[in-house]
Structure formats: C-alpha cells, structure tokens
Amino acid sequence: MFNRTTAVVLAAALAAGLGLWAAQAWFSVERPAPELQAVRLFQQPRALPAFSLQQSDGTQLVPGELKGHWTVVFLGFTHCPDVCPTTLAQLAQAQKRWAALPEATRPRVLFVSVDPERDSPDRIGEYAHAFHRDTLAATADVPALERFARSMSMVFMKVPAPEGAPADQYSIDHSAALAVLDPQGRMAGLLTPPLDPDAIAGDLLALSR
C-alpha cells in the first residue's frame, strides 16, 4: 500500500537524484577561458600524432611525458645567432614568475633543436639550462623532427653556408612562433613574436590554476 512513509522515501530519493543531477551538470560545465594577453588559444585543441624525441638526459620524450602541464614548445638550434637565445632568455624570465607553483602543475618550456647534425643531446642540455635549469631540451633525426614540427604547423629548413665558408657554417631557418600544449598534450594555441615575458607568465599562470 502506498502510505505516507513510502511517499516520504520516494520524495527523498527524488530530491537526492535531482541534487546529484544538478551537481553533475554544474561540474560538467567548462569554466570560461581566462582573458589572455599573449597566448592565442584555438577554439578546439588538436591531438598531436605519436612522436619520440631524445632528451638531453638520454631519456625518450613521448606524448605522455607532456601531460599534466601547460607546455611552451620552441624550435631552434644552438648555433642560432639571435632569435633563439633571445627567445629562451625571454622564456626564462617568464619561468621565474611561475617557479612558485607546485612542480605537478608548473608550466614547462621545451626547446627542440632542429639541428641534430651539430646539436648532441649533451650540447642542447647545456645550452638550454644556461637560460633556465627547468627548460626541457630534446632533438631527434631530421625525419622525426620534420614530423613533429609539421604536427604543430611549423617548419624548418637548412640553409647552406655562404660561398667560401666552411660547410658546417650553415644556418637553419625555422618558425619563430611557439606552440602551446595543454595538460592533455594537445596543440592548444600559439605564442607569436614579439614576446612579452610578463604577459606570457601571466597567461600561463592563469591557465595553470
């Protein structure tokens, strides 16, 4: 028989169900993206294809290693006369701003050398760490680097040495934009010159909260 006690139990169950539904609906709503100054986010992040780069410490850098953090990726080479050292110095200024964040959520900077002929893992590690000790450094063979760069809509190209100069005095043209990967390891946006370290730091701090 449908008595008063049954009605109370059903009402309580219904209220609990509605409360659970409301909680799920509330927490499933994505938080609005923070207002950013330097990082230009895409409307929809895109997954990167599989890759494997060799880090300066000898370990392999694969997609899973980049999860859990916002990561700024910069393509360059250690013989670069101006753009690369300037960019890494600017990023180092930003890195100092977010150094107080817990390591588990702290943004990362990844320097990828596109000059494996001259840049050994040891060399790129020394080069990158001279700007900031936390900067990750990696490289690979040219085909793997080309695939990695292409996945982020970036390019690089070897430029022969000037006539009369030693062959190993070549340069490399490469994209000046920096890729921004989200904590799922997806390509989420770009940073384009001119770079403002304070704006970059503010954006990455906001995104990492």
N, C-alpha and C. Protein backbone atom coordinates (compact mmCIF):
# COMPACT_ATOMS: atom_id res chain seq x y z
N MET A 1 0.86 -1.18 0.00
CA MET A 1 0.00 0.00 0.00
C MET A 1 0.90 1.23 0.00
N PHE A 2 0.46 2.20 -0.80
CA PHE A 2 1.22 3.44 -0.91
C PHE A 2 0.88 4.31 0.29
N ASN A 3 1.70 4.27 1.33
CA ASN A 3 1.42 5.03 2.55
C ASN A 3 2.32 6.26 2.65
N ARG A 4 2.14 6.95 3.74
CA ARG A 4 2.88 8.20 3.92
C ARG A 4 4.38 7.97 3.99
N THR A 5 4.80 6.88 4.64
CA THR A 5 6.23 6.59 4.76
C THR A 5 6.85 6.38 3.38
N THR A 6 6.14 5.63 2.52
CA THR A 6 6.63 5.38 1.17
C THR A 6 6.78 6.69 0.40
N ALA A 7 5.82 7.56 0.56
CA ALA A 7 5.86 8.85 -0.14
C ALA A 7 7.06 9.66 0.30
N VAL A 8 7.35 9.63 1.61
CA VAL A 8 8.50 10.38 2.12
C VAL A 8 9.79 9.83 1.55
N VAL A 9 9.90 8.49 1.52
CA VAL A 9 11.12 7.85 0.99
C VAL A 9 11.31 8.20 -0.48
N LEU A 10 10.20 8.13 -1.27
CA LEU A 10 10.29 8.46 -2.69
C LEU A 10 10.68 9.92 -2.90
N ALA A 11 10.11 10.79 -2.09
CA ALA A 11 10.43 12.22 -2.21
C ALA A 11 11.90 12.46 -1.90
N ALA A 12 12.40 11.78 -0.88
CA ALA A 12 13.81 11.94 -0.52
C ALA A 12 14.71 11.43 -1.62
N ALA A 13 14.33 10.27 -2.20
CA ALA A 13 15.13 9.71 -3.29
C ALA A 13 15.14 10.63 -4.50
N LEU A 14 13.94 11.20 -4.79
CA LEU A 14 13.84 12.11 -5.93
C LEU A 14 14.70 13.35 -5.70
N ALA A 15 14.66 13.87 -4.48
CA ALA A 15 15.45 15.06 -4.15
C ALA A 15 16.94 14.76 -4.27
N ALA A 16 17.32 13.57 -3.80
CA ALA A 16 18.73 13.19 -3.88
C ALA A 16 19.16 13.06 -5.34
N GLY A 17 18.27 12.44 -6.15
CA GLY A 17 18.59 12.29 -7.57
C GLY A 17 18.72 13.62 -8.27
N LEU A 18 17.81 14.52 -7.96
CA LEU A 18 17.88 15.86 -8.57
C LEU A 18 19.13 16.60 -8.12
N GLY A 19 19.49 16.40 -6.84
CA GLY A 19 20.70 17.04 -6.34
C GLY A 19 21.94 16.52 -7.05
N LEU A 20 22.00 15.20 -7.27
CA LEU A 20 23.14 14.60 -7.97
C LEU A 20 23.20 15.10 -9.40
N TRP A 21 22.02 15.15 -10.06
CA TRP A 21 21.99 15.64 -11.44
C TRP A 21 22.46 17.09 -11.52
N ALA A 22 22.02 17.90 -10.57
CA ALA A 22 22.41 19.32 -10.56
C ALA A 22 23.92 19.45 -10.34
N ALA A 23 24.44 18.62 -9.42
CA ALA A 23 25.88 18.68 -9.16
C ALA A 23 26.68 18.28 -10.39
N GLN A 24 26.22 17.20 -11.08
CA GLN A 24 26.92 16.77 -12.28
C GLN A 24 26.85 17.83 -13.36
N ALA A 25 25.68 18.45 -13.50
CA ALA A 25 25.53 19.48 -14.51
C ALA A 25 26.42 20.67 -14.19
N TRP A 26 26.51 21.02 -12.91
CA TRP A 26 27.33 22.17 -12.51
C TRP A 26 28.80 21.93 -12.80
N PHE A 27 29.28 20.73 -12.39
CA PHE A 27 30.70 20.47 -12.55
C PHE A 27 31.08 20.07 -13.97
N SER A 28 30.10 19.70 -14.81
CA SER A 28 30.43 19.34 -16.19
C SER A 28 30.52 20.56 -17.08
N VAL A 29 30.06 21.69 -16.61
CA VAL A 29 30.15 22.91 -17.40
C VAL A 29 31.59 23.39 -17.40
N GLU A 30 32.15 23.60 -18.57
CA GLU A 30 33.53 24.04 -18.66
C GLU A 30 33.66 25.47 -18.16
N ARG A 31 34.71 25.71 -17.39
CA ARG A 31 34.95 27.07 -16.95
C ARG A 31 35.34 27.93 -18.14
N PRO A 32 34.90 29.16 -18.16
CA PRO A 32 35.29 30.03 -19.26
C PRO A 32 36.80 30.23 -19.26
N ALA A 33 37.38 30.31 -20.45
CA ALA A 33 38.82 30.52 -20.55
C ALA A 33 39.18 31.89 -19.98
N PRO A 34 40.30 31.97 -19.26
CA PRO A 34 40.70 33.27 -18.72
C PRO A 34 41.06 34.24 -19.84
N GLU A 35 40.98 35.51 -19.55
CA GLU A 35 41.40 36.51 -20.53
C GLU A 35 42.93 36.47 -20.63
N LEU A 36 43.40 36.31 -21.85
CA LEU A 36 44.84 36.14 -22.08
C LEU A 36 45.40 37.31 -22.86
N GLN A 37 46.68 37.60 -22.62
CA GLN A 37 47.33 38.71 -23.30
C GLN A 37 48.24 38.25 -24.43
N ALA A 38 48.95 37.14 -24.22
CA ALA A 38 49.95 36.71 -25.19
C ALA A 38 49.59 35.41 -25.89
N VAL A 39 49.04 34.46 -25.15
CA VAL A 39 48.70 33.16 -25.73
C VAL A 39 47.43 33.28 -26.56
N ARG A 40 47.49 32.81 -27.79
CA ARG A 40 46.31 32.79 -28.64
C ARG A 40 45.80 31.34 -28.70
N LEU A 41 44.71 31.06 -27.96
CA LEU A 41 44.17 29.71 -27.92
C LEU A 41 43.30 29.42 -29.14
N PHE A 42 43.36 28.19 -29.60
CA PHE A 42 42.48 27.75 -30.68
C PHE A 42 41.09 27.48 -30.10
N GLN A 43 40.08 27.50 -30.96
CA GLN A 43 38.74 27.16 -30.50
C GLN A 43 38.68 25.71 -30.06
N GLN A 44 39.43 24.86 -30.74
CA GLN A 44 39.43 23.43 -30.41
C GLN A 44 40.86 22.90 -30.44
N PRO A 45 41.40 22.44 -29.29
CA PRO A 45 42.75 21.85 -29.30
C PRO A 45 42.79 20.64 -30.22
N ARG A 46 43.96 20.34 -30.75
CA ARG A 46 44.07 19.16 -31.60
C ARG A 46 45.17 18.23 -31.07
N ALA A 47 44.89 16.95 -31.13
CA ALA A 47 45.83 15.95 -30.65
C ALA A 47 47.04 15.89 -31.58
N LEU A 48 48.21 15.66 -30.99
CA LEU A 48 49.42 15.50 -31.79
C LEU A 48 49.62 14.02 -32.11
N PRO A 49 50.11 13.71 -33.30
CA PRO A 49 50.42 12.31 -33.60
C PRO A 49 51.58 11.82 -32.74
N ALA A 50 51.77 10.52 -32.70
CA ALA A 50 52.83 9.94 -31.88
C ALA A 50 54.19 10.51 -32.30
N PHE A 51 55.05 10.74 -31.32
CA PHE A 51 56.41 11.21 -31.60
C PHE A 51 57.34 10.66 -30.54
N SER A 52 58.62 10.68 -30.85
CA SER A 52 59.62 10.26 -29.88
C SER A 52 60.88 11.09 -30.14
N LEU A 53 61.25 11.89 -29.14
CA LEU A 53 62.43 12.73 -29.22
C LEU A 53 63.41 12.30 -28.12
N GLN A 54 64.68 12.54 -28.34
CA GLN A 54 65.67 12.19 -27.32
C GLN A 54 65.98 13.41 -26.48
N GLN A 55 65.77 13.29 -25.17
CA GLN A 55 66.03 14.39 -24.26
C GLN A 55 67.51 14.48 -23.91
N SER A 56 67.87 15.63 -23.37
CA SER A 56 69.28 15.86 -23.05
C SER A 56 69.81 14.91 -21.99
N ASP A 57 68.90 14.33 -21.18
CA ASP A 57 69.35 13.39 -20.16
C ASP A 57 69.39 11.95 -20.67
N GLY A 58 69.14 11.78 -21.97
CA GLY A 58 69.22 10.46 -22.58
C GLY A 58 67.92 9.70 -22.63
N THR A 59 66.88 10.19 -21.96
CA THR A 59 65.59 9.52 -21.98
C THR A 59 64.77 9.95 -23.19
N GLN A 60 63.76 9.17 -23.51
CA GLN A 60 62.90 9.49 -24.64
C GLN A 60 61.76 10.39 -24.20
N LEU A 61 61.47 11.37 -25.03
CA LEU A 61 60.32 12.25 -24.78
C LEU A 61 59.20 11.80 -25.71
N VAL A 62 58.13 11.27 -25.12
CA VAL A 62 56.98 10.79 -25.87
C VAL A 62 55.75 11.57 -25.39
N PRO A 63 54.63 11.51 -26.13
CA PRO A 63 53.47 12.34 -25.77
C PRO A 63 53.05 12.29 -24.31
N GLY A 64 53.08 11.12 -23.69
CA GLY A 64 52.64 11.00 -22.31
C GLY A 64 53.46 11.82 -21.34
N GLU A 65 54.73 12.08 -21.69
CA GLU A 65 55.60 12.86 -20.82
C GLU A 65 55.16 14.31 -20.70
N LEU A 66 54.38 14.79 -21.65
CA LEU A 66 53.98 16.19 -21.66
C LEU A 66 52.61 16.41 -21.03
N LYS A 67 51.99 15.37 -20.56
CA LYS A 67 50.66 15.52 -19.96
C LYS A 67 50.77 16.02 -18.52
N GLY A 68 49.73 16.76 -18.11
CA GLY A 68 49.68 17.27 -16.75
C GLY A 68 50.17 18.70 -16.60
N HIS A 69 50.75 19.24 -17.66
CA HIS A 69 51.31 20.59 -17.61
C HIS A 69 50.96 21.36 -18.88
N TRP A 70 50.85 22.67 -18.78
CA TRP A 70 50.89 23.52 -19.96
C TRP A 70 52.35 23.60 -20.40
N THR A 71 52.60 23.44 -21.68
CA THR A 71 53.97 23.40 -22.19
C THR A 71 54.13 24.34 -23.37
N VAL A 72 55.20 25.14 -23.32
CA VAL A 72 55.55 26.02 -24.44
C VAL A 72 56.68 25.33 -25.20
N VAL A 73 56.48 25.11 -26.51
CA VAL A 73 57.45 24.40 -27.34
C VAL A 73 58.10 25.38 -28.31
N PHE A 74 59.43 25.40 -28.31
CA PHE A 74 60.18 26.31 -29.18
C PHE A 74 61.17 25.52 -30.02
N LEU A 75 61.09 25.68 -31.34
CA LEU A 75 62.06 25.05 -32.24
C LEU A 75 63.23 26.00 -32.46
N GLY A 76 64.45 25.48 -32.40
CA GLY A 76 65.61 26.32 -32.62
C GLY A 76 66.86 25.49 -32.79
N PHE A 77 68.03 26.12 -32.58
CA PHE A 77 69.30 25.41 -32.67
C PHE A 77 70.35 26.22 -31.93
N THR A 78 71.37 25.55 -31.44
CA THR A 78 72.31 26.22 -30.55
C THR A 78 73.24 27.19 -31.26
N HIS A 79 73.41 27.05 -32.58
CA HIS A 79 74.26 27.97 -33.32
C HIS A 79 73.49 29.20 -33.80
N CYS A 80 72.24 29.30 -33.41
CA CYS A 80 71.40 30.43 -33.81
C CYS A 80 72.00 31.72 -33.23
N PRO A 81 72.21 32.75 -34.06
CA PRO A 81 72.90 33.94 -33.58
C PRO A 81 72.05 34.91 -32.76
N ASP A 82 70.74 34.89 -32.95
CA ASP A 82 69.95 35.94 -32.31
C ASP A 82 68.58 35.49 -31.80
N VAL A 83 67.73 34.98 -32.68
CA VAL A 83 66.35 34.67 -32.29
C VAL A 83 66.30 33.65 -31.16
N CYS A 84 67.07 32.58 -31.27
CA CYS A 84 66.98 31.51 -30.26
C CYS A 84 67.43 31.96 -28.88
N PRO A 85 68.61 32.55 -28.74
CA PRO A 85 69.00 32.98 -27.39
C PRO A 85 68.07 34.06 -26.83
N THR A 86 67.60 34.94 -27.70
CA THR A 86 66.68 35.98 -27.22
C THR A 86 65.38 35.36 -26.71
N THR A 87 64.84 34.42 -27.48
CA THR A 87 63.57 33.77 -27.11
C THR A 87 63.73 32.99 -25.81
N LEU A 88 64.81 32.22 -25.69
CA LEU A 88 65.00 31.43 -24.47
C LEU A 88 65.22 32.33 -23.25
N ALA A 89 65.88 33.46 -23.45
CA ALA A 89 66.06 34.40 -22.34
C ALA A 89 64.72 35.00 -21.91
N GLN A 90 63.86 35.30 -22.88
CA GLN A 90 62.54 35.84 -22.54
C GLN A 90 61.68 34.79 -21.83
N LEU A 91 61.76 33.56 -22.30
CA LEU A 91 61.01 32.49 -21.64
C LEU A 91 61.53 32.24 -20.23
N ALA A 92 62.83 32.38 -20.05
CA ALA A 92 63.41 32.19 -18.71
C ALA A 92 62.86 33.23 -17.74
N GLN A 93 62.64 34.44 -18.21
CA GLN A 93 62.04 35.45 -17.35
C GLN A 93 60.63 35.04 -16.92
N ALA A 94 59.87 34.47 -17.86
CA ALA A 94 58.53 34.00 -17.54
C ALA A 94 58.60 32.82 -16.56
N GLN A 95 59.55 31.93 -16.78
CA GLN A 95 59.68 30.76 -15.90
C GLN A 95 59.94 31.17 -14.45
N LYS A 96 60.69 32.22 -14.24
CA LYS A 96 60.94 32.69 -12.88
C LYS A 96 59.65 33.12 -12.20
N ARG A 97 58.70 33.63 -12.98
CA ARG A 97 57.44 34.11 -12.43
C ARG A 97 56.56 32.97 -11.93
N TRP A 98 56.65 31.80 -12.58
CA TRP A 98 55.78 30.70 -12.15
C TRP A 98 56.55 29.63 -11.36
N ALA A 99 57.77 29.96 -10.93
CA ALA A 99 58.59 28.98 -10.20
C ALA A 99 57.96 28.54 -8.88
N ALA A 100 57.10 29.38 -8.29
CA ALA A 100 56.50 29.04 -7.00
C ALA A 100 55.36 28.04 -7.12
N LEU A 101 54.87 27.80 -8.33
CA LEU A 101 53.79 26.82 -8.49
C LEU A 101 54.29 25.42 -8.15
N PRO A 102 53.41 24.55 -7.68
CA PRO A 102 53.82 23.15 -7.41
C PRO A 102 54.36 22.51 -8.68
N GLU A 103 55.39 21.68 -8.53
CA GLU A 103 56.00 21.04 -9.69
C GLU A 103 54.99 20.27 -10.52
N ALA A 104 53.97 19.71 -9.85
CA ALA A 104 52.98 18.88 -10.54
C ALA A 104 52.15 19.67 -11.56
N THR A 105 52.04 20.98 -11.37
CA THR A 105 51.23 21.79 -12.28
C THR A 105 52.01 22.92 -12.94
N ARG A 106 53.29 23.03 -12.61
CA ARG A 106 54.10 24.13 -13.13
C ARG A 106 54.25 24.05 -14.66
N PRO A 107 54.02 25.14 -15.38
CA PRO A 107 54.20 25.12 -16.84
C PRO A 107 55.63 24.74 -17.20
N ARG A 108 55.78 24.23 -18.41
CA ARG A 108 57.09 23.79 -18.87
C ARG A 108 57.48 24.52 -20.14
N VAL A 109 58.78 24.60 -20.37
CA VAL A 109 59.32 25.10 -21.63
C VAL A 109 60.13 23.97 -22.24
N LEU A 110 59.85 23.66 -23.49
CA LEU A 110 60.56 22.60 -24.21
C LEU A 110 61.28 23.20 -25.41
N PHE A 111 62.61 23.14 -25.39
CA PHE A 111 63.44 23.58 -26.51
C PHE A 111 63.77 22.36 -27.36
N VAL A 112 63.38 22.39 -28.63
CA VAL A 112 63.65 21.27 -29.54
C VAL A 112 64.63 21.74 -30.61
N SER A 113 65.84 21.15 -30.60
CA SER A 113 66.82 21.52 -31.61
C SER A 113 66.49 20.82 -32.92
N VAL A 114 66.47 21.62 -33.99
CA VAL A 114 66.21 21.08 -35.33
C VAL A 114 67.52 20.98 -36.11
N ASP A 115 68.63 20.88 -35.37
CA ASP A 115 69.96 20.78 -35.97
C ASP A 115 70.71 19.59 -35.36
N PRO A 116 70.20 18.37 -35.57
CA PRO A 116 70.83 17.21 -34.92
C PRO A 116 72.25 16.94 -35.41
N GLU A 117 72.60 17.49 -36.57
CA GLU A 117 73.96 17.29 -37.10
C GLU A 117 75.02 17.91 -36.18
N ARG A 118 74.69 19.04 -35.58
CA ARG A 118 75.65 19.73 -34.70
C ARG A 118 75.25 19.70 -33.24
N ASP A 119 73.96 19.48 -32.98
CA ASP A 119 73.46 19.57 -31.60
C ASP A 119 73.23 18.19 -31.00
N SER A 120 74.20 17.74 -30.22
CA SER A 120 74.05 16.47 -29.49
C SER A 120 73.14 16.70 -28.30
N PRO A 121 72.59 15.63 -27.71
CA PRO A 121 71.76 15.80 -26.51
C PRO A 121 72.49 16.54 -25.39
N ASP A 122 73.78 16.24 -25.20
CA ASP A 122 74.53 16.93 -24.15
C ASP A 122 74.62 18.43 -24.43
N ARG A 123 74.88 18.77 -25.69
CA ARG A 123 75.03 20.18 -26.05
C ARG A 123 73.73 20.95 -25.84
N ILE A 124 72.61 20.38 -26.28
CA ILE A 124 71.35 21.12 -26.14
C ILE A 124 70.96 21.27 -24.68
N GLY A 125 71.34 20.26 -23.86
CA GLY A 125 71.05 20.37 -22.43
C GLY A 125 71.83 21.51 -21.80
N GLU A 126 73.11 21.59 -22.09
CA GLU A 126 73.94 22.67 -21.55
C GLU A 126 73.43 24.02 -22.04
N TYR A 127 73.05 24.08 -23.30
CA TYR A 127 72.59 25.34 -23.89
C TYR A 127 71.29 25.81 -23.24
N ALA A 128 70.31 24.92 -23.18
CA ALA A 128 69.00 25.29 -22.63
C ALA A 128 69.08 25.61 -21.15
N HIS A 129 69.85 24.82 -20.41
CA HIS A 129 69.93 25.03 -18.95
C HIS A 129 70.71 26.28 -18.59
N ALA A 130 71.49 26.81 -19.51
CA ALA A 130 72.18 28.07 -19.25
C ALA A 130 71.17 29.22 -19.13
N PHE A 131 70.00 29.05 -19.74
CA PHE A 131 68.96 30.07 -19.64
C PHE A 131 68.07 29.82 -18.42
N HIS A 132 67.65 28.57 -18.23
CA HIS A 132 66.87 28.20 -17.05
C HIS A 132 67.01 26.71 -16.81
N ARG A 133 67.26 26.35 -15.56
CA ARG A 133 67.55 24.94 -15.23
C ARG A 133 66.37 24.01 -15.51
N ASP A 134 65.13 24.55 -15.53
CA ASP A 134 63.97 23.69 -15.72
C ASP A 134 63.59 23.47 -17.18
N THR A 135 64.26 24.16 -18.09
CA THR A 135 63.91 24.01 -19.51
C THR A 135 64.24 22.60 -19.99
N LEU A 136 63.26 21.97 -20.62
CA LEU A 136 63.48 20.66 -21.23
C LEU A 136 64.14 20.87 -22.58
N ALA A 137 65.03 19.95 -22.96
CA ALA A 137 65.71 20.05 -24.26
C ALA A 137 65.69 18.69 -24.92
N ALA A 138 65.39 18.68 -26.21
CA ALA A 138 65.29 17.41 -26.93
C ALA A 138 65.62 17.62 -28.40
N THR A 139 65.92 16.53 -29.08
CA THR A 139 66.16 16.55 -30.52
C THR A 139 65.84 15.15 -31.06
N ALA A 140 66.08 14.94 -32.34
CA ALA A 140 65.82 13.64 -32.97
C ALA A 140 66.48 13.67 -34.34
N ASP A 141 66.27 12.62 -35.13
CA ASP A 141 66.78 12.69 -36.50
C ASP A 141 65.87 13.61 -37.31
N VAL A 142 66.33 14.01 -38.48
CA VAL A 142 65.60 15.02 -39.25
C VAL A 142 64.18 14.57 -39.62
N PRO A 143 63.97 13.34 -40.11
CA PRO A 143 62.60 12.94 -40.43
C PRO A 143 61.65 13.03 -39.23
N ALA A 144 62.12 12.60 -38.05
CA ALA A 144 61.26 12.67 -36.86
C ALA A 144 60.99 14.12 -36.48
N LEU A 145 62.00 14.98 -36.61
CA LEU A 145 61.82 16.40 -36.31
C LEU A 145 60.85 17.05 -37.29
N GLU A 146 60.93 16.66 -38.55
CA GLU A 146 60.02 17.22 -39.54
C GLU A 146 58.58 16.83 -39.23
N ARG A 147 58.36 15.58 -38.84
CA ARG A 147 57.01 15.15 -38.48
C ARG A 147 56.51 15.91 -37.26
N PHE A 148 57.37 16.06 -36.27
CA PHE A 148 56.99 16.76 -35.04
C PHE A 148 56.65 18.21 -35.35
N ALA A 149 57.50 18.88 -36.12
CA ALA A 149 57.24 20.28 -36.46
C ALA A 149 55.96 20.42 -37.27
N ARG A 150 55.77 19.54 -38.25
CA ARG A 150 54.59 19.61 -39.11
C ARG A 150 53.31 19.41 -38.31
N SER A 151 53.37 18.60 -37.26
CA SER A 151 52.17 18.35 -36.45
C SER A 151 51.72 19.61 -35.73
N MET A 152 52.64 20.57 -35.57
CA MET A 152 52.31 21.83 -34.92
C MET A 152 52.26 22.98 -35.93
N SER A 153 52.18 22.61 -37.22
CA SER A 153 52.12 23.60 -38.31
C SER A 153 53.35 24.49 -38.32
N MET A 154 54.50 23.92 -38.01
CA MET A 154 55.76 24.65 -38.03
C MET A 154 56.71 24.04 -39.04
N VAL A 155 57.71 24.80 -39.43
CA VAL A 155 58.66 24.33 -40.45
C VAL A 155 60.08 24.73 -40.06
N PHE A 156 61.03 24.05 -40.65
CA PHE A 156 62.44 24.46 -40.55
C PHE A 156 63.14 23.98 -41.81
N MET A 157 64.24 24.64 -42.16
CA MET A 157 64.95 24.31 -43.38
C MET A 157 66.42 24.68 -43.25
N LYS A 158 67.29 23.76 -43.65
CA LYS A 158 68.73 24.01 -43.61
C LYS A 158 69.11 24.98 -44.72
N VAL A 159 69.90 25.97 -44.36
CA VAL A 159 70.37 26.99 -45.32
C VAL A 159 71.88 26.80 -45.49
N PRO A 160 72.35 26.47 -46.71
CA PRO A 160 73.78 26.22 -46.91
C PRO A 160 74.66 27.39 -46.48
N ALA A 161 75.88 27.08 -46.11
CA ALA A 161 76.84 28.11 -45.72
C ALA A 161 77.13 29.03 -46.89
N PRO A 162 77.45 30.28 -46.62
CA PRO A 162 77.79 31.21 -47.70
C PRO A 162 78.97 30.69 -48.52
N GLU A 163 79.04 31.10 -49.75
CA GLU A 163 80.13 30.66 -50.63
C GLU A 163 81.48 31.02 -50.01
N GLY A 164 82.36 30.04 -50.00
CA GLY A 164 83.69 30.24 -49.44
C GLY A 164 83.80 29.93 -47.97
N ALA A 165 82.67 29.77 -47.28
CA ALA A 165 82.69 29.46 -45.84
C ALA A 165 82.72 27.95 -45.66
N PRO A 166 83.22 27.47 -44.51
CA PRO A 166 83.19 26.02 -44.25
C PRO A 166 81.76 25.49 -44.31
N ALA A 167 81.62 24.25 -44.79
CA ALA A 167 80.28 23.67 -44.98
C ALA A 167 79.49 23.60 -43.68
N ASP A 168 80.21 23.47 -42.55
CA ASP A 168 79.49 23.34 -41.28
C ASP A 168 79.05 24.69 -40.71
N GLN A 169 79.24 25.74 -41.47
CA GLN A 169 78.77 27.06 -41.04
C GLN A 169 77.39 27.39 -41.60
N TYR A 170 76.63 26.35 -41.90
CA TYR A 170 75.27 26.55 -42.40
C TYR A 170 74.38 27.12 -41.31
N SER A 171 73.22 27.60 -41.70
CA SER A 171 72.23 28.08 -40.75
C SER A 171 70.93 27.30 -40.94
N ILE A 172 69.96 27.58 -40.12
CA ILE A 172 68.65 26.92 -40.24
C ILE A 172 67.56 27.96 -40.07
N ASP A 173 66.71 28.05 -41.06
CA ASP A 173 65.52 28.88 -40.94
C ASP A 173 64.44 28.07 -40.24
N HIS A 174 63.74 28.67 -39.30
CA HIS A 174 62.71 27.92 -38.58
C HIS A 174 61.60 28.86 -38.15
N SER A 175 60.45 28.31 -37.86
CA SER A 175 59.31 29.10 -37.41
C SER A 175 59.67 29.83 -36.13
N ALA A 176 59.27 31.10 -36.06
CA ALA A 176 59.53 31.89 -34.86
C ALA A 176 58.41 31.75 -33.83
N ALA A 177 57.24 31.29 -34.28
CA ALA A 177 56.12 31.11 -33.35
C ALA A 177 56.41 29.94 -32.40
N LEU A 178 55.80 29.98 -31.24
CA LEU A 178 55.94 28.92 -30.24
C LEU A 178 54.60 28.22 -30.07
N ALA A 179 54.65 26.90 -29.97
CA ALA A 179 53.42 26.13 -29.76
C ALA A 179 53.11 26.07 -28.27
N VAL A 180 51.83 26.09 -27.96
CA VAL A 180 51.37 25.95 -26.57
C VAL A 180 50.53 24.68 -26.48
N LEU A 181 51.00 23.74 -25.67
CA LEU A 181 50.30 22.48 -25.48
C LEU A 181 49.55 22.50 -24.16
N ASP A 182 48.35 21.93 -24.14
CA ASP A 182 47.56 21.90 -22.91
C ASP A 182 47.94 20.69 -22.06
N PRO A 183 47.37 20.54 -20.86
CA PRO A 183 47.76 19.43 -19.98
C PRO A 183 47.39 18.04 -20.52
N GLN A 184 46.63 17.98 -21.60
CA GLN A 184 46.37 16.70 -22.26
C GLN A 184 47.39 16.43 -23.37
N GLY A 185 48.35 17.33 -23.52
CA GLY A 185 49.38 17.17 -24.55
C GLY A 185 48.90 17.54 -25.94
N ARG A 186 47.81 18.30 -26.02
CA ARG A 186 47.26 18.69 -27.31
C ARG A 186 47.76 20.07 -27.71
N MET A 187 47.83 20.29 -29.01
CA MET A 187 48.18 21.63 -29.51
C MET A 187 46.99 22.54 -29.23
N ALA A 188 47.20 23.50 -28.31
CA ALA A 188 46.08 24.32 -27.86
C ALA A 188 46.15 25.76 -28.32
N GLY A 189 47.34 26.22 -28.72
CA GLY A 189 47.45 27.61 -29.12
C GLY A 189 48.85 27.97 -29.54
N LEU A 190 49.08 29.28 -29.70
CA LEU A 190 50.36 29.78 -30.18
C LEU A 190 50.80 31.01 -29.39
N LEU A 191 52.09 31.22 -29.37
CA LEU A 191 52.69 32.48 -28.95
C LEU A 191 53.46 33.01 -30.15
N THR A 192 53.22 34.24 -30.51
CA THR A 192 53.90 34.81 -31.67
C THR A 192 54.68 36.06 -31.27
N PRO A 193 55.84 36.27 -31.88
CA PRO A 193 56.64 37.47 -31.59
C PRO A 193 55.87 38.74 -31.96
N PRO A 194 56.22 39.86 -31.31
CA PRO A 194 57.22 39.99 -30.24
C PRO A 194 56.72 39.41 -28.93
N LEU A 195 57.63 38.79 -28.19
CA LEU A 195 57.25 38.12 -26.95
C LEU A 195 57.38 39.06 -25.76
N ASP A 196 56.41 39.00 -24.88
CA ASP A 196 56.39 39.80 -23.65
C ASP A 196 56.45 38.82 -22.48
N PRO A 197 57.60 38.69 -21.81
CA PRO A 197 57.73 37.71 -20.72
C PRO A 197 56.67 37.85 -19.64
N ASP A 198 56.33 39.09 -19.26
CA ASP A 198 55.33 39.29 -18.22
C ASP A 198 53.95 38.80 -18.66
N ALA A 199 53.60 39.08 -19.92
CA ALA A 199 52.31 38.62 -20.44
C ALA A 199 52.27 37.10 -20.56
N ILE A 200 53.37 36.51 -21.00
CA ILE A 200 53.45 35.05 -21.11
C ILE A 200 53.30 34.42 -19.73
N ALA A 201 54.03 34.96 -18.76
CA ALA A 201 53.95 34.42 -17.39
C ALA A 201 52.54 34.54 -16.85
N GLY A 202 51.90 35.69 -17.04
CA GLY A 202 50.55 35.88 -16.55
C GLY A 202 49.57 34.92 -17.17
N ASP A 203 49.70 34.70 -18.48
CA ASP A 203 48.80 33.78 -19.17
C ASP A 203 48.97 32.35 -18.69
N LEU A 204 50.20 31.90 -18.58
CA LEU A 204 50.44 30.52 -18.16
C LEU A 204 50.04 30.30 -16.71
N LEU A 205 50.22 31.30 -15.88
CA LEU A 205 49.76 31.19 -14.50
C LEU A 205 48.24 31.07 -14.45
N ALA A 206 47.55 31.88 -15.26
CA ALA A 206 46.08 31.83 -15.28
C ALA A 206 45.59 30.48 -15.81
N LEU A 207 46.23 29.97 -16.84
CA LEU A 207 45.82 28.69 -17.42
C LEU A 207 46.11 27.52 -16.48
N SER A 208 47.11 27.64 -15.66
CA SER A 208 47.52 26.53 -14.79
C SER A 208 46.73 26.46 -13.49
N ARG A 209 45.88 27.47 -13.22
CA ARG A 209 45.12 27.47 -11.97
C ARG A 209 43.95 26.52 -12.07
